[in-house]
Amino acid sequence: MRGVCCKGDLFFKINIDEVLVVHDDLETEFGSIKIKHGGGLAGHNGLRSIKDLTGSSNFKRLAIGISRPSRGSVANYVLERFTPQEESELDIIFKETENYFTKFLGDDDETKGKKVVILQQGREKR
């Protein structure tokens, strides 16, 4: 998807501080989850695209570790299927990612509803 999805921040008047970008991270061990606010782009084309479209790299990030390949091209590696072992662990990783989303959205039901509607509206506009 890259940064094109972040053009919605202009349409919906969303502050970049209210955006949580979920992305893969080569420098993090497979399955590990890391949250960060702002910082460098570490050569990640998707993060670079978001920065280019929004004018800021000061957004929250939820990085899901995919580990760096032991050999071969990084460009090919990030587009390959997961190994059967990795695929068997995805449900656990996604459940933990869901927990982070819940924390990001907060406990206030009114706030949750607002943000979810914005995300749904963004999907419907495609």
N, C-alpha and C. Protein backbone atom coordinates (compact mmCIF):
# COMPACT_ATOMS: atom_id res chain seq x y z
N MET A 1 0.82 -1.19 0.00
CA MET A 1 0.00 0.00 0.00
C MET A 1 0.86 1.24 0.00
N ARG A 2 1.91 1.21 0.73
CA ARG A 2 2.79 2.36 0.88
C ARG A 2 2.03 3.57 1.41
N GLY A 3 2.56 4.75 1.21
CA GLY A 3 2.02 5.93 1.84
C GLY A 3 0.74 6.47 1.25
N VAL A 4 0.30 5.91 0.13
CA VAL A 4 -0.90 6.44 -0.53
C VAL A 4 -2.09 6.42 0.42
N CYS A 5 -2.18 5.41 1.27
CA CYS A 5 -3.31 5.34 2.20
C CYS A 5 -3.29 6.51 3.18
N CYS A 6 -2.17 7.14 3.41
CA CYS A 6 -2.08 8.25 4.35
C CYS A 6 -2.56 9.56 3.76
N LYS A 7 -2.89 9.58 2.49
CA LYS A 7 -3.48 10.79 1.93
C LYS A 7 -4.80 11.09 2.61
N GLY A 8 -5.42 10.07 3.20
CA GLY A 8 -6.67 10.26 3.92
C GLY A 8 -6.54 11.21 5.08
N ASP A 9 -5.32 11.37 5.62
CA ASP A 9 -5.14 12.29 6.74
C ASP A 9 -5.47 13.71 6.31
N LEU A 10 -5.26 14.02 5.04
CA LEU A 10 -5.60 15.35 4.54
C LEU A 10 -7.12 15.48 4.35
N PHE A 11 -7.75 14.44 3.81
CA PHE A 11 -9.18 14.46 3.56
C PHE A 11 -9.97 14.49 4.87
N PHE A 12 -9.58 13.63 5.82
CA PHE A 12 -10.31 13.51 7.07
C PHE A 12 -9.81 14.47 8.15
N LYS A 13 -8.82 15.27 7.83
CA LYS A 13 -8.23 16.23 8.78
C LYS A 13 -7.73 15.51 10.04
N ILE A 14 -7.05 14.39 9.83
CA ILE A 14 -6.49 13.62 10.93
C ILE A 14 -5.10 14.14 11.23
N ASN A 15 -4.83 14.38 12.48
CA ASN A 15 -3.50 14.79 12.90
C ASN A 15 -2.56 13.59 12.78
N ILE A 16 -1.36 13.81 12.30
CA ILE A 16 -0.39 12.72 12.12
C ILE A 16 -0.11 12.00 13.44
N ASP A 17 -0.31 12.68 14.58
CA ASP A 17 -0.12 12.05 15.89
C ASP A 17 -1.21 11.01 16.19
N GLU A 18 -2.30 11.03 15.41
CA GLU A 18 -3.39 10.07 15.61
C GLU A 18 -3.26 8.86 14.69
N VAL A 19 -2.19 8.80 13.93
CA VAL A 19 -1.99 7.73 12.97
C VAL A 19 -1.06 6.67 13.56
N LEU A 20 -1.43 5.42 13.40
CA LEU A 20 -0.56 4.31 13.78
C LEU A 20 -0.25 3.54 12.50
N VAL A 21 1.00 3.51 12.13
CA VAL A 21 1.44 2.80 10.93
C VAL A 21 1.96 1.42 11.36
N VAL A 22 1.41 0.39 10.76
CA VAL A 22 1.86 -0.97 11.02
C VAL A 22 2.72 -1.39 9.85
N HIS A 23 3.94 -1.85 10.15
CA HIS A 23 4.85 -2.22 9.07
C HIS A 23 5.76 -3.37 9.47
N ASP A 24 6.35 -3.99 8.46
CA ASP A 24 7.33 -5.05 8.71
C ASP A 24 8.66 -4.40 9.07
N ASP A 25 9.49 -5.15 9.81
CA ASP A 25 10.77 -4.61 10.25
C ASP A 25 11.85 -5.69 10.15
N LEU A 26 12.77 -5.49 9.24
CA LEU A 26 13.88 -6.43 9.03
C LEU A 26 14.81 -6.52 10.23
N GLU A 27 14.94 -5.44 10.98
CA GLU A 27 15.92 -5.38 12.07
C GLU A 27 15.37 -5.94 13.38
N THR A 28 14.12 -6.39 13.36
CA THR A 28 13.50 -6.95 14.56
C THR A 28 13.27 -8.43 14.34
N GLU A 29 13.52 -9.22 15.38
CA GLU A 29 13.38 -10.67 15.30
C GLU A 29 11.96 -11.05 14.87
N PHE A 30 11.85 -12.08 14.05
CA PHE A 30 10.55 -12.53 13.55
C PHE A 30 9.56 -12.69 14.70
N GLY A 31 8.40 -12.07 14.54
CA GLY A 31 7.34 -12.22 15.53
C GLY A 31 7.37 -11.22 16.66
N SER A 32 8.48 -10.53 16.83
CA SER A 32 8.55 -9.51 17.88
C SER A 32 7.82 -8.26 17.41
N ILE A 33 7.24 -7.57 18.37
CA ILE A 33 6.49 -6.35 18.06
C ILE A 33 7.15 -5.19 18.80
N LYS A 34 7.30 -4.09 18.09
CA LYS A 34 7.96 -2.92 18.66
C LYS A 34 7.13 -1.70 18.35
N ILE A 35 6.92 -0.85 19.36
CA ILE A 35 6.21 0.41 19.14
C ILE A 35 7.20 1.55 19.26
N LYS A 36 7.04 2.50 18.37
CA LYS A 36 7.97 3.63 18.32
C LYS A 36 7.18 4.85 17.86
N HIS A 37 7.61 6.02 18.28
CA HIS A 37 6.98 7.26 17.84
C HIS A 37 8.06 8.10 17.16
N GLY A 38 7.89 8.32 15.86
CA GLY A 38 8.86 9.11 15.11
C GLY A 38 10.16 8.37 14.89
N GLY A 39 11.14 9.10 14.40
CA GLY A 39 12.46 8.52 14.18
C GLY A 39 12.79 8.35 12.71
N GLY A 40 13.89 7.65 12.48
CA GLY A 40 14.36 7.44 11.11
C GLY A 40 13.51 6.43 10.36
N LEU A 41 13.80 6.29 9.09
CA LEU A 41 13.01 5.43 8.22
C LEU A 41 13.66 4.09 7.94
N ALA A 42 14.94 3.96 8.31
CA ALA A 42 15.69 2.70 8.18
C ALA A 42 15.59 2.09 6.78
N GLY A 43 15.51 2.95 5.76
CA GLY A 43 15.47 2.45 4.38
C GLY A 43 14.16 1.80 3.99
N HIS A 44 13.12 1.93 4.81
CA HIS A 44 11.83 1.30 4.55
C HIS A 44 11.06 2.16 3.55
N ASN A 45 10.81 1.61 2.37
CA ASN A 45 10.15 2.39 1.31
C ASN A 45 8.74 2.84 1.69
N GLY A 46 8.00 2.00 2.40
CA GLY A 46 6.65 2.37 2.81
C GLY A 46 6.66 3.55 3.78
N LEU A 47 7.58 3.51 4.75
CA LEU A 47 7.69 4.62 5.71
C LEU A 47 8.14 5.89 5.00
N ARG A 48 9.05 5.75 4.06
CA ARG A 48 9.51 6.91 3.28
C ARG A 48 8.36 7.52 2.50
N SER A 49 7.53 6.69 1.91
CA SER A 49 6.39 7.16 1.15
C SER A 49 5.40 7.92 2.04
N ILE A 50 5.16 7.41 3.23
CA ILE A 50 4.27 8.09 4.18
C ILE A 50 4.84 9.44 4.57
N LYS A 51 6.15 9.48 4.82
CA LYS A 51 6.79 10.75 5.16
C LYS A 51 6.66 11.74 4.00
N ASP A 52 6.89 11.26 2.79
CA ASP A 52 6.80 12.14 1.62
C ASP A 52 5.38 12.71 1.46
N LEU A 53 4.36 11.90 1.70
CA LEU A 53 2.98 12.35 1.52
C LEU A 53 2.48 13.24 2.65
N THR A 54 2.95 12.97 3.87
CA THR A 54 2.44 13.74 5.01
C THR A 54 3.36 14.89 5.40
N GLY A 55 4.62 14.82 4.94
CA GLY A 55 5.59 15.85 5.31
C GLY A 55 6.19 15.66 6.69
N SER A 56 5.95 14.49 7.29
CA SER A 56 6.45 14.26 8.64
C SER A 56 6.80 12.78 8.84
N SER A 57 7.83 12.55 9.63
CA SER A 57 8.14 11.17 10.04
C SER A 57 7.76 10.99 11.51
N ASN A 58 7.02 11.95 12.05
CA ASN A 58 6.64 11.93 13.46
C ASN A 58 5.29 11.24 13.66
N PHE A 59 5.21 9.97 13.23
CA PHE A 59 4.00 9.19 13.41
C PHE A 59 4.33 7.96 14.24
N LYS A 60 3.30 7.42 14.88
CA LYS A 60 3.47 6.21 15.69
C LYS A 60 3.62 5.02 14.76
N ARG A 61 4.46 4.08 15.20
CA ARG A 61 4.72 2.90 14.37
C ARG A 61 4.60 1.64 15.20
N LEU A 62 3.98 0.66 14.64
CA LEU A 62 3.94 -0.66 15.23
C LEU A 62 4.68 -1.56 14.24
N ALA A 63 5.89 -1.93 14.62
CA ALA A 63 6.74 -2.73 13.72
C ALA A 63 6.62 -4.20 14.09
N ILE A 64 6.34 -5.02 13.09
CA ILE A 64 6.28 -6.46 13.28
C ILE A 64 7.54 -7.05 12.67
N GLY A 65 8.32 -7.69 13.50
CA GLY A 65 9.61 -8.22 13.06
C GLY A 65 9.47 -9.36 12.07
N ILE A 66 10.27 -9.27 11.01
CA ILE A 66 10.34 -10.35 10.03
C ILE A 66 11.76 -10.90 9.93
N SER A 67 12.69 -10.33 10.69
CA SER A 67 14.11 -10.71 10.69
C SER A 67 14.75 -10.45 9.33
N ARG A 68 16.02 -10.26 9.36
CA ARG A 68 16.79 -10.05 8.14
C ARG A 68 17.14 -11.42 7.55
N PRO A 69 17.09 -11.57 6.22
CA PRO A 69 17.44 -12.87 5.63
C PRO A 69 18.91 -13.20 5.86
N SER A 70 19.20 -14.47 6.02
CA SER A 70 20.59 -14.89 6.23
C SER A 70 21.41 -14.76 4.95
N ARG A 71 20.73 -14.81 3.81
CA ARG A 71 21.40 -14.61 2.52
C ARG A 71 20.36 -14.22 1.48
N GLY A 72 20.83 -13.75 0.37
CA GLY A 72 19.93 -13.38 -0.71
C GLY A 72 19.50 -11.92 -0.64
N SER A 73 18.67 -11.56 -1.57
CA SER A 73 18.22 -10.18 -1.74
C SER A 73 17.12 -9.82 -0.72
N VAL A 74 17.31 -8.70 -0.06
CA VAL A 74 16.29 -8.21 0.86
C VAL A 74 15.01 -7.89 0.09
N ALA A 75 15.14 -7.29 -1.09
CA ALA A 75 13.98 -6.93 -1.90
C ALA A 75 13.12 -8.16 -2.21
N ASN A 76 13.75 -9.27 -2.54
CA ASN A 76 13.00 -10.50 -2.81
C ASN A 76 12.44 -11.09 -1.52
N TYR A 77 13.21 -11.05 -0.46
CA TYR A 77 12.83 -11.63 0.83
C TYR A 77 11.52 -11.03 1.35
N VAL A 78 11.39 -9.72 1.31
CA VAL A 78 10.19 -9.08 1.88
C VAL A 78 8.93 -9.38 1.07
N LEU A 79 9.08 -9.86 -0.16
CA LEU A 79 7.94 -10.18 -0.99
C LEU A 79 7.61 -11.67 -1.02
N GLU A 80 8.48 -12.48 -0.43
CA GLU A 80 8.28 -13.94 -0.42
C GLU A 80 7.22 -14.34 0.60
N ARG A 81 6.67 -15.53 0.40
CA ARG A 81 5.76 -16.12 1.39
C ARG A 81 6.55 -16.45 2.65
N PHE A 82 5.85 -16.52 3.76
CA PHE A 82 6.48 -16.98 4.99
C PHE A 82 6.75 -18.47 4.88
N THR A 83 7.70 -18.95 5.66
CA THR A 83 7.95 -20.39 5.73
C THR A 83 6.77 -21.05 6.44
N PRO A 84 6.59 -22.36 6.28
CA PRO A 84 5.50 -23.03 7.01
C PRO A 84 5.59 -22.81 8.53
N GLN A 85 6.78 -22.82 9.09
CA GLN A 85 6.95 -22.57 10.53
C GLN A 85 6.48 -21.15 10.89
N GLU A 86 6.88 -20.16 10.08
CA GLU A 86 6.47 -18.78 10.34
C GLU A 86 4.95 -18.63 10.20
N GLU A 87 4.38 -19.26 9.17
CA GLU A 87 2.93 -19.18 8.97
C GLU A 87 2.18 -19.74 10.17
N SER A 88 2.71 -20.79 10.78
CA SER A 88 2.04 -21.38 11.94
C SER A 88 2.04 -20.43 13.14
N GLU A 89 2.90 -19.44 13.15
CA GLU A 89 3.00 -18.49 14.26
C GLU A 89 2.23 -17.20 14.00
N LEU A 90 1.72 -17.00 12.80
CA LEU A 90 1.08 -15.74 12.44
C LEU A 90 -0.16 -15.43 13.29
N ASP A 91 -0.98 -16.43 13.61
CA ASP A 91 -2.17 -16.17 14.42
C ASP A 91 -1.81 -15.54 15.76
N ILE A 92 -0.77 -16.06 16.39
CA ILE A 92 -0.31 -15.52 17.68
C ILE A 92 0.19 -14.09 17.50
N ILE A 93 0.95 -13.87 16.46
CA ILE A 93 1.51 -12.53 16.20
C ILE A 93 0.37 -11.54 15.93
N PHE A 94 -0.61 -11.93 15.14
CA PHE A 94 -1.72 -11.03 14.83
C PHE A 94 -2.57 -10.75 16.06
N LYS A 95 -2.74 -11.74 16.93
CA LYS A 95 -3.51 -11.53 18.17
C LYS A 95 -2.79 -10.51 19.04
N GLU A 96 -1.49 -10.62 19.15
CA GLU A 96 -0.72 -9.66 19.94
C GLU A 96 -0.78 -8.27 19.29
N THR A 97 -0.74 -8.22 17.98
CA THR A 97 -0.86 -6.94 17.27
C THR A 97 -2.22 -6.32 17.56
N GLU A 98 -3.26 -7.13 17.60
CA GLU A 98 -4.60 -6.65 17.93
C GLU A 98 -4.63 -6.01 19.32
N ASN A 99 -3.90 -6.59 20.27
CA ASN A 99 -3.82 -6.01 21.61
C ASN A 99 -3.21 -4.62 21.57
N TYR A 100 -2.20 -4.42 20.75
CA TYR A 100 -1.57 -3.11 20.62
C TYR A 100 -2.55 -2.10 19.99
N PHE A 101 -3.32 -2.56 18.99
CA PHE A 101 -4.32 -1.69 18.38
C PHE A 101 -5.32 -1.22 19.44
N THR A 102 -5.77 -2.15 20.26
CA THR A 102 -6.74 -1.82 21.30
C THR A 102 -6.17 -0.76 22.24
N LYS A 103 -4.92 -0.91 22.62
CA LYS A 103 -4.28 0.09 23.48
C LYS A 103 -4.18 1.44 22.77
N PHE A 104 -3.87 1.41 21.49
CA PHE A 104 -3.74 2.64 20.72
C PHE A 104 -5.08 3.38 20.64
N LEU A 105 -6.16 2.64 20.40
CA LEU A 105 -7.47 3.25 20.28
C LEU A 105 -7.99 3.78 21.61
N GLY A 106 -7.52 3.22 22.70
CA GLY A 106 -7.94 3.68 24.02
C GLY A 106 -9.18 2.95 24.51
N ASP A 107 -9.55 3.25 25.73
CA ASP A 107 -10.67 2.56 26.38
C ASP A 107 -11.99 3.29 26.22
N ASP A 108 -11.96 4.52 25.78
CA ASP A 108 -13.17 5.34 25.64
C ASP A 108 -13.97 4.86 24.43
N ASP A 109 -15.18 4.33 24.65
CA ASP A 109 -15.99 3.78 23.56
C ASP A 109 -16.30 4.82 22.49
N GLU A 110 -16.52 6.06 22.89
CA GLU A 110 -16.82 7.11 21.92
C GLU A 110 -15.62 7.35 21.00
N THR A 111 -14.44 7.40 21.58
CA THR A 111 -13.22 7.59 20.80
C THR A 111 -13.00 6.41 19.87
N LYS A 112 -13.19 5.21 20.38
CA LYS A 112 -13.02 4.01 19.55
C LYS A 112 -13.93 4.07 18.34
N GLY A 113 -15.19 4.37 18.56
CA GLY A 113 -16.15 4.42 17.47
C GLY A 113 -15.77 5.43 16.41
N LYS A 114 -15.32 6.59 16.84
CA LYS A 114 -14.92 7.64 15.90
C LYS A 114 -13.78 7.18 15.01
N LYS A 115 -12.76 6.61 15.61
CA LYS A 115 -11.59 6.22 14.84
C LYS A 115 -11.90 5.05 13.93
N VAL A 116 -12.71 4.12 14.39
CA VAL A 116 -13.07 2.98 13.56
C VAL A 116 -13.88 3.46 12.35
N VAL A 117 -14.81 4.38 12.56
CA VAL A 117 -15.60 4.91 11.45
C VAL A 117 -14.70 5.58 10.42
N ILE A 118 -13.73 6.34 10.88
CA ILE A 118 -12.80 6.98 9.95
C ILE A 118 -12.08 5.93 9.12
N LEU A 119 -11.64 4.86 9.76
CA LEU A 119 -10.94 3.81 9.02
C LEU A 119 -11.89 3.14 8.03
N GLN A 120 -13.13 2.89 8.42
CA GLN A 120 -14.09 2.27 7.52
C GLN A 120 -14.40 3.20 6.34
N GLN A 121 -14.56 4.48 6.61
CA GLN A 121 -14.83 5.42 5.53
C GLN A 121 -13.68 5.44 4.55
N GLY A 122 -12.46 5.38 5.06
CA GLY A 122 -11.30 5.36 4.19
C GLY A 122 -11.31 4.17 3.26
N ARG A 123 -11.73 3.02 3.76
CA ARG A 123 -11.80 1.82 2.93
C ARG A 123 -12.88 1.94 1.88
N GLU A 124 -14.02 2.53 2.24
CA GLU A 124 -15.13 2.62 1.30
C GLU A 124 -14.82 3.56 0.14
N LYS A 125 -13.93 4.51 0.32
CA LYS A 125 -13.63 5.51 -0.71
C LYS A 125 -12.74 4.96 -1.82
N ARG A 126 -12.19 3.76 -1.66
CA ARG A 126 -11.26 3.22 -2.65
C ARG A 126 -11.91 2.95 -3.97
